[in-house]
Amino acid sequence: MTTAAKVGKMVVRAADSVLNFIVLLAVLLLLLFGCYAMWDSGRVYSSADSARYAVYKPTADTASGPSFSQLQAINPEVFSWLTVYGTHIDYPVVQGADNLKYINTDALGGYSLSGAIFLDAGCSEDF
């Protein structure tokens, strides 16, 4: 075997090792990104859980704890409650001065990636 052939084999092996390292690194980065995306999605879903607002849901018995009027005291733009029976939709409805406010703001007025259920700013609150 000639010296050029030996050098050629060494170059190919080195290139193969570098390529294997790059592929391994890419796979590990994709795995880490996937884990982060699942963790972040879980956070978004838990912050949008209707159980956060269950204590403010309007009921006939207002002496049992926080009420809808207390939610309106926290955020005066809350004006209604939406419940779709047979589903997990059970949230307060808000209406801001423009339609962009509640895209990333929850019904309590804090930042939320999932936003809030809101009525168009041009509509009347009495539907």
N, C-alpha and C. Protein backbone atom coordinates (compact mmCIF):
# COMPACT_ATOMS: atom_id res chain seq x y z
N MET A 1 0.85 -1.17 0.00
CA MET A 1 0.00 0.00 0.00
C MET A 1 0.90 1.24 0.00
N THR A 2 0.57 2.18 -0.84
CA THR A 2 1.40 3.37 -0.97
C THR A 2 1.10 4.38 0.14
N THR A 3 1.97 5.30 0.27
CA THR A 3 1.81 6.34 1.30
C THR A 3 0.58 7.20 1.00
N ALA A 4 0.34 7.47 -0.24
CA ALA A 4 -0.83 8.27 -0.62
C ALA A 4 -2.13 7.55 -0.25
N ALA A 5 -2.16 6.26 -0.42
CA ALA A 5 -3.35 5.49 -0.07
C ALA A 5 -3.57 5.50 1.44
N LYS A 6 -2.47 5.40 2.21
CA LYS A 6 -2.59 5.45 3.67
C LYS A 6 -3.10 6.81 4.14
N VAL A 7 -2.56 7.85 3.54
CA VAL A 7 -3.01 9.20 3.90
C VAL A 7 -4.47 9.38 3.51
N GLY A 8 -4.84 8.87 2.37
CA GLY A 8 -6.24 8.94 1.92
C GLY A 8 -7.18 8.25 2.90
N LYS A 9 -6.79 7.06 3.38
CA LYS A 9 -7.62 6.34 4.36
C LYS A 9 -7.74 7.13 5.65
N MET A 10 -6.64 7.73 6.09
CA MET A 10 -6.66 8.50 7.33
C MET A 10 -7.58 9.72 7.19
N VAL A 11 -7.55 10.36 6.04
CA VAL A 11 -8.41 11.52 5.80
C VAL A 11 -9.88 11.09 5.79
N VAL A 12 -10.17 9.98 5.15
CA VAL A 12 -11.54 9.48 5.10
C VAL A 12 -12.03 9.13 6.50
N ARG A 13 -11.20 8.46 7.30
CA ARG A 13 -11.59 8.10 8.67
C ARG A 13 -11.82 9.34 9.53
N ALA A 14 -10.96 10.34 9.37
CA ALA A 14 -11.11 11.58 10.13
C ALA A 14 -12.41 12.29 9.72
N ALA A 15 -12.67 12.35 8.42
CA ALA A 15 -13.90 12.99 7.93
C ALA A 15 -15.12 12.22 8.43
N ASP A 16 -15.03 10.89 8.44
CA ASP A 16 -16.13 10.05 8.92
C ASP A 16 -16.38 10.31 10.41
N SER A 17 -15.33 10.42 11.19
CA SER A 17 -15.47 10.69 12.62
C SER A 17 -16.10 12.06 12.86
N VAL A 18 -15.67 13.06 12.11
CA VAL A 18 -16.24 14.41 12.25
C VAL A 18 -17.72 14.40 11.86
N LEU A 19 -18.03 13.74 10.76
CA LEU A 19 -19.42 13.66 10.32
C LEU A 19 -20.29 12.93 11.35
N ASN A 20 -19.80 11.83 11.91
CA ASN A 20 -20.54 11.11 12.94
C ASN A 20 -20.77 12.00 14.17
N PHE A 21 -19.78 12.78 14.55
CA PHE A 21 -19.92 13.69 15.70
C PHE A 21 -20.97 14.76 15.41
N ILE A 22 -20.96 15.31 14.21
CA ILE A 22 -21.93 16.34 13.84
C ILE A 22 -23.35 15.78 13.85
N VAL A 23 -23.53 14.59 13.31
CA VAL A 23 -24.86 13.96 13.30
C VAL A 23 -25.32 13.67 14.72
N LEU A 24 -24.44 13.16 15.56
CA LEU A 24 -24.78 12.89 16.96
C LEU A 24 -25.17 14.17 17.68
N LEU A 25 -24.41 15.23 17.46
CA LEU A 25 -24.71 16.51 18.08
C LEU A 25 -26.07 17.05 17.62
N ALA A 26 -26.38 16.93 16.34
CA ALA A 26 -27.66 17.38 15.79
C ALA A 26 -28.82 16.59 16.41
N VAL A 27 -28.66 15.28 16.53
CA VAL A 27 -29.71 14.45 17.13
C VAL A 27 -29.93 14.83 18.59
N LEU A 28 -28.85 15.06 19.34
CA LEU A 28 -28.99 15.45 20.75
C LEU A 28 -29.65 16.82 20.88
N LEU A 29 -29.31 17.76 20.00
CA LEU A 29 -29.95 19.07 20.04
C LEU A 29 -31.44 18.98 19.72
N LEU A 30 -31.80 18.16 18.74
CA LEU A 30 -33.21 17.95 18.42
C LEU A 30 -33.96 17.30 19.58
N LEU A 31 -33.32 16.36 20.25
CA LEU A 31 -33.93 15.72 21.42
C LEU A 31 -34.15 16.73 22.54
N LEU A 32 -33.15 17.56 22.80
CA LEU A 32 -33.29 18.59 23.83
C LEU A 32 -34.38 19.59 23.47
N PHE A 33 -34.44 19.99 22.21
CA PHE A 33 -35.49 20.91 21.78
C PHE A 33 -36.87 20.29 21.92
N GLY A 34 -36.99 19.01 21.60
CA GLY A 34 -38.27 18.32 21.75
C GLY A 34 -38.71 18.26 23.21
N CYS A 35 -37.77 17.99 24.10
CA CYS A 35 -38.09 17.96 25.54
C CYS A 35 -38.52 19.34 26.02
N TYR A 36 -37.81 20.38 25.59
CA TYR A 36 -38.19 21.75 25.96
C TYR A 36 -39.58 22.09 25.43
N ALA A 37 -39.87 21.73 24.20
CA ALA A 37 -41.18 22.04 23.60
C ALA A 37 -42.30 21.34 24.37
N MET A 38 -42.08 20.11 24.78
CA MET A 38 -43.11 19.40 25.56
C MET A 38 -43.29 20.07 26.93
N TRP A 39 -42.20 20.45 27.58
CA TRP A 39 -42.29 21.12 28.88
C TRP A 39 -43.01 22.46 28.74
N ASP A 40 -42.68 23.23 27.71
CA ASP A 40 -43.30 24.53 27.50
C ASP A 40 -44.78 24.40 27.18
N SER A 41 -45.14 23.42 26.37
CA SER A 41 -46.56 23.20 26.06
C SER A 41 -47.33 22.82 27.31
N GLY A 42 -46.74 22.02 28.17
CA GLY A 42 -47.39 21.67 29.43
C GLY A 42 -47.63 22.89 30.30
N ARG A 43 -46.68 23.81 30.33
CA ARG A 43 -46.86 25.05 31.09
C ARG A 43 -47.99 25.89 30.53
N VAL A 44 -48.06 26.01 29.20
CA VAL A 44 -49.12 26.80 28.57
C VAL A 44 -50.48 26.18 28.86
N TYR A 45 -50.60 24.87 28.74
CA TYR A 45 -51.87 24.21 29.00
C TYR A 45 -52.29 24.33 30.46
N SER A 46 -51.35 24.22 31.37
CA SER A 46 -51.71 24.33 32.79
C SER A 46 -52.11 25.75 33.16
N SER A 47 -51.53 26.75 32.50
CA SER A 47 -51.91 28.13 32.81
C SER A 47 -53.27 28.48 32.22
N ALA A 48 -53.71 27.73 31.23
CA ALA A 48 -55.01 27.98 30.62
C ALA A 48 -56.12 27.10 31.20
N ASP A 49 -55.82 26.35 32.24
CA ASP A 49 -56.79 25.43 32.83
C ASP A 49 -57.97 26.18 33.41
N SER A 50 -59.17 25.73 33.12
CA SER A 50 -60.37 26.41 33.61
C SER A 50 -60.51 26.30 35.11
N ALA A 51 -59.80 25.39 35.75
CA ALA A 51 -59.88 25.26 37.21
C ALA A 51 -59.35 26.52 37.90
N ARG A 52 -58.49 27.29 37.23
CA ARG A 52 -58.00 28.55 37.81
C ARG A 52 -59.14 29.53 38.04
N TYR A 53 -60.19 29.46 37.23
CA TYR A 53 -61.29 30.41 37.30
C TYR A 53 -62.53 29.85 37.99
N ALA A 54 -62.48 28.58 38.36
CA ALA A 54 -63.65 27.93 38.94
C ALA A 54 -64.15 28.64 40.20
N VAL A 55 -63.26 29.22 40.97
CA VAL A 55 -63.68 29.90 42.21
C VAL A 55 -64.48 31.15 41.92
N TYR A 56 -64.36 31.71 40.73
CA TYR A 56 -65.08 32.94 40.37
C TYR A 56 -66.36 32.67 39.59
N LYS A 57 -66.63 31.41 39.26
CA LYS A 57 -67.80 31.09 38.45
C LYS A 57 -69.08 31.54 39.15
N PRO A 58 -69.96 32.22 38.42
CA PRO A 58 -71.20 32.68 39.04
C PRO A 58 -72.07 31.51 39.50
N THR A 59 -72.53 31.58 40.73
CA THR A 59 -73.43 30.57 41.28
C THR A 59 -74.56 31.28 42.01
N ALA A 60 -75.56 30.51 42.37
CA ALA A 60 -76.67 31.08 43.13
C ALA A 60 -76.23 31.41 44.55
N ASP A 61 -75.28 30.64 45.09
CA ASP A 61 -74.79 30.84 46.45
C ASP A 61 -73.51 31.68 46.40
N THR A 62 -73.63 33.00 46.62
CA THR A 62 -72.46 33.88 46.56
C THR A 62 -71.70 33.92 47.88
N ALA A 63 -72.20 33.32 48.94
CA ALA A 63 -71.52 33.34 50.23
C ALA A 63 -70.47 32.24 50.36
N SER A 64 -70.32 31.42 49.33
CA SER A 64 -69.42 30.27 49.43
C SER A 64 -67.96 30.61 49.13
N GLY A 65 -67.63 31.84 48.84
CA GLY A 65 -66.24 32.20 48.56
C GLY A 65 -66.17 33.31 47.53
N PRO A 66 -65.05 33.41 46.83
CA PRO A 66 -64.93 34.45 45.81
C PRO A 66 -66.03 34.30 44.76
N SER A 67 -66.47 35.40 44.26
CA SER A 67 -67.58 35.35 43.32
C SER A 67 -67.23 36.08 42.03
N PHE A 68 -68.18 36.07 41.13
CA PHE A 68 -68.01 36.73 39.84
C PHE A 68 -67.80 38.23 40.03
N SER A 69 -68.47 38.83 40.99
CA SER A 69 -68.29 40.26 41.23
C SER A 69 -66.87 40.55 41.73
N GLN A 70 -66.28 39.62 42.47
CA GLN A 70 -64.89 39.82 42.90
C GLN A 70 -63.93 39.71 41.72
N LEU A 71 -64.25 38.85 40.76
CA LEU A 71 -63.44 38.77 39.55
C LEU A 71 -63.57 40.07 38.77
N GLN A 72 -64.76 40.64 38.72
CA GLN A 72 -64.94 41.92 38.05
C GLN A 72 -64.21 43.05 38.79
N ALA A 73 -64.06 42.92 40.10
CA ALA A 73 -63.29 43.92 40.84
C ALA A 73 -61.80 43.81 40.50
N ILE A 74 -61.32 42.59 40.25
CA ILE A 74 -59.92 42.39 39.84
C ILE A 74 -59.72 42.92 38.42
N ASN A 75 -60.65 42.61 37.53
CA ASN A 75 -60.57 43.05 36.13
C ASN A 75 -61.96 43.51 35.68
N PRO A 76 -62.20 44.82 35.63
CA PRO A 76 -63.53 45.33 35.26
C PRO A 76 -63.94 45.03 33.82
N GLU A 77 -63.02 44.53 33.00
CA GLU A 77 -63.39 44.20 31.62
C GLU A 77 -64.01 42.81 31.49
N VAL A 78 -64.11 42.07 32.59
CA VAL A 78 -64.83 40.79 32.60
C VAL A 78 -66.31 41.11 32.67
N PHE A 79 -67.11 40.57 31.75
CA PHE A 79 -68.52 40.91 31.75
C PHE A 79 -69.45 39.71 31.64
N SER A 80 -68.91 38.52 31.38
CA SER A 80 -69.78 37.37 31.16
C SER A 80 -69.02 36.09 31.49
N TRP A 81 -69.74 34.97 31.43
CA TRP A 81 -69.14 33.65 31.65
C TRP A 81 -69.61 32.73 30.55
N LEU A 82 -68.69 31.95 29.99
CA LEU A 82 -69.02 31.02 28.92
C LEU A 82 -68.84 29.59 29.41
N THR A 83 -69.92 28.81 29.38
CA THR A 83 -69.87 27.39 29.73
C THR A 83 -70.47 26.60 28.57
N VAL A 84 -69.73 25.64 28.08
CA VAL A 84 -70.24 24.74 27.05
C VAL A 84 -70.33 23.37 27.70
N TYR A 85 -71.52 22.94 27.99
CA TYR A 85 -71.72 21.68 28.72
C TYR A 85 -71.23 20.49 27.89
N GLY A 86 -70.65 19.54 28.58
CA GLY A 86 -70.09 18.36 27.92
C GLY A 86 -68.66 18.57 27.44
N THR A 87 -68.11 19.75 27.70
CA THR A 87 -66.72 20.05 27.31
C THR A 87 -66.00 20.63 28.52
N HIS A 88 -64.75 21.00 28.33
CA HIS A 88 -63.98 21.64 29.39
C HIS A 88 -63.99 23.16 29.25
N ILE A 89 -64.88 23.69 28.42
CA ILE A 89 -64.96 25.14 28.22
C ILE A 89 -65.82 25.72 29.34
N ASP A 90 -65.17 26.46 30.23
CA ASP A 90 -65.84 27.04 31.39
C ASP A 90 -65.01 28.24 31.85
N TYR A 91 -65.11 29.35 31.12
CA TYR A 91 -64.21 30.48 31.30
C TYR A 91 -64.98 31.80 31.36
N PRO A 92 -64.36 32.81 31.99
CA PRO A 92 -64.91 34.16 31.92
C PRO A 92 -64.66 34.76 30.54
N VAL A 93 -65.51 35.70 30.15
CA VAL A 93 -65.39 36.38 28.87
C VAL A 93 -65.05 37.84 29.14
N VAL A 94 -64.10 38.38 28.41
CA VAL A 94 -63.65 39.75 28.59
C VAL A 94 -63.82 40.52 27.29
N GLN A 95 -63.77 41.85 27.41
CA GLN A 95 -63.79 42.71 26.23
C GLN A 95 -62.90 43.91 26.51
N GLY A 96 -61.87 44.05 25.70
CA GLY A 96 -60.94 45.16 25.86
C GLY A 96 -61.24 46.29 24.89
N ALA A 97 -60.48 47.35 25.00
CA ALA A 97 -60.65 48.50 24.11
C ALA A 97 -60.27 48.14 22.67
N ASP A 98 -59.36 47.19 22.51
CA ASP A 98 -59.03 46.68 21.17
C ASP A 98 -58.91 45.16 21.24
N ASN A 99 -58.84 44.53 20.10
CA ASN A 99 -58.84 43.06 20.06
C ASN A 99 -57.47 42.46 20.36
N LEU A 100 -56.44 43.26 20.49
CA LEU A 100 -55.11 42.72 20.74
C LEU A 100 -54.80 42.53 22.22
N LYS A 101 -55.54 43.20 23.09
CA LYS A 101 -55.21 43.16 24.52
C LYS A 101 -55.25 41.75 25.09
N TYR A 102 -56.31 41.00 24.81
CA TYR A 102 -56.49 39.69 25.45
C TYR A 102 -55.95 38.53 24.63
N ILE A 103 -55.13 38.81 23.62
CA ILE A 103 -54.45 37.73 22.89
C ILE A 103 -53.44 37.06 23.81
N ASN A 104 -52.72 37.86 24.62
CA ASN A 104 -51.71 37.32 25.54
C ASN A 104 -51.94 37.81 26.97
N THR A 105 -53.18 38.07 27.33
CA THR A 105 -53.53 38.49 28.69
C THR A 105 -54.68 37.61 29.16
N ASP A 106 -54.58 37.10 30.40
CA ASP A 106 -55.66 36.25 30.91
C ASP A 106 -56.77 37.12 31.52
N ALA A 107 -57.84 36.49 31.96
CA ALA A 107 -58.99 37.21 32.50
C ALA A 107 -58.68 37.91 33.81
N LEU A 108 -57.61 37.51 34.48
CA LEU A 108 -57.21 38.17 35.72
C LEU A 108 -56.33 39.39 35.44
N GLY A 109 -55.96 39.60 34.18
CA GLY A 109 -55.15 40.75 33.80
C GLY A 109 -53.67 40.48 33.72
N GLY A 110 -53.24 39.26 33.97
CA GLY A 110 -51.82 38.90 33.91
C GLY A 110 -51.45 38.35 32.55
N TYR A 111 -50.12 38.27 32.29
CA TYR A 111 -49.63 37.73 31.03
C TYR A 111 -49.93 36.23 30.95
N SER A 112 -50.42 35.81 29.81
CA SER A 112 -50.68 34.40 29.56
C SER A 112 -50.51 34.15 28.07
N LEU A 113 -49.69 33.18 27.72
CA LEU A 113 -49.46 32.88 26.32
C LEU A 113 -50.75 32.42 25.63
N SER A 114 -51.65 31.79 26.38
CA SER A 114 -52.89 31.29 25.79
C SER A 114 -53.97 32.37 25.71
N GLY A 115 -53.79 33.50 26.38
CA GLY A 115 -54.76 34.59 26.30
C GLY A 115 -56.05 34.29 27.03
N ALA A 116 -57.12 34.94 26.61
CA ALA A 116 -58.43 34.78 27.23
C ALA A 116 -59.50 34.75 26.15
N ILE A 117 -60.67 34.26 26.52
CA ILE A 117 -61.81 34.32 25.60
C ILE A 117 -62.33 35.74 25.65
N PHE A 118 -62.38 36.40 24.49
CA PHE A 118 -62.80 37.79 24.47
C PHE A 118 -63.82 38.05 23.38
N LEU A 119 -64.63 39.07 23.62
CA LEU A 119 -65.61 39.53 22.65
C LEU A 119 -64.96 40.62 21.81
N ASP A 120 -65.26 40.66 20.54
CA ASP A 120 -64.71 41.68 19.65
C ASP A 120 -64.97 43.07 20.22
N ALA A 121 -63.99 43.94 20.10
CA ALA A 121 -64.09 45.30 20.67
C ALA A 121 -65.23 46.10 20.06
N GLY A 122 -65.62 45.78 18.84
CA GLY A 122 -66.70 46.52 18.18
C GLY A 122 -68.09 46.03 18.53
N CYS A 123 -68.20 44.94 19.27
CA CYS A 123 -69.51 44.37 19.62
C CYS A 123 -70.02 44.93 20.94
N SER A 124 -71.32 44.85 21.11
CA SER A 124 -71.93 45.27 22.37
C SER A 124 -71.89 44.13 23.37
N GLU A 125 -71.73 44.45 24.66
CA GLU A 125 -71.64 43.41 25.70
C GLU A 125 -72.93 42.61 25.87
N ASP A 126 -74.03 43.12 25.40
CA ASP A 126 -75.29 42.38 25.54
C ASP A 126 -75.53 41.41 24.39
N PHE A 127 -74.49 41.19 23.58
CA PHE A 127 -74.51 40.28 22.43
C PHE A 127 -75.55 40.69 21.40
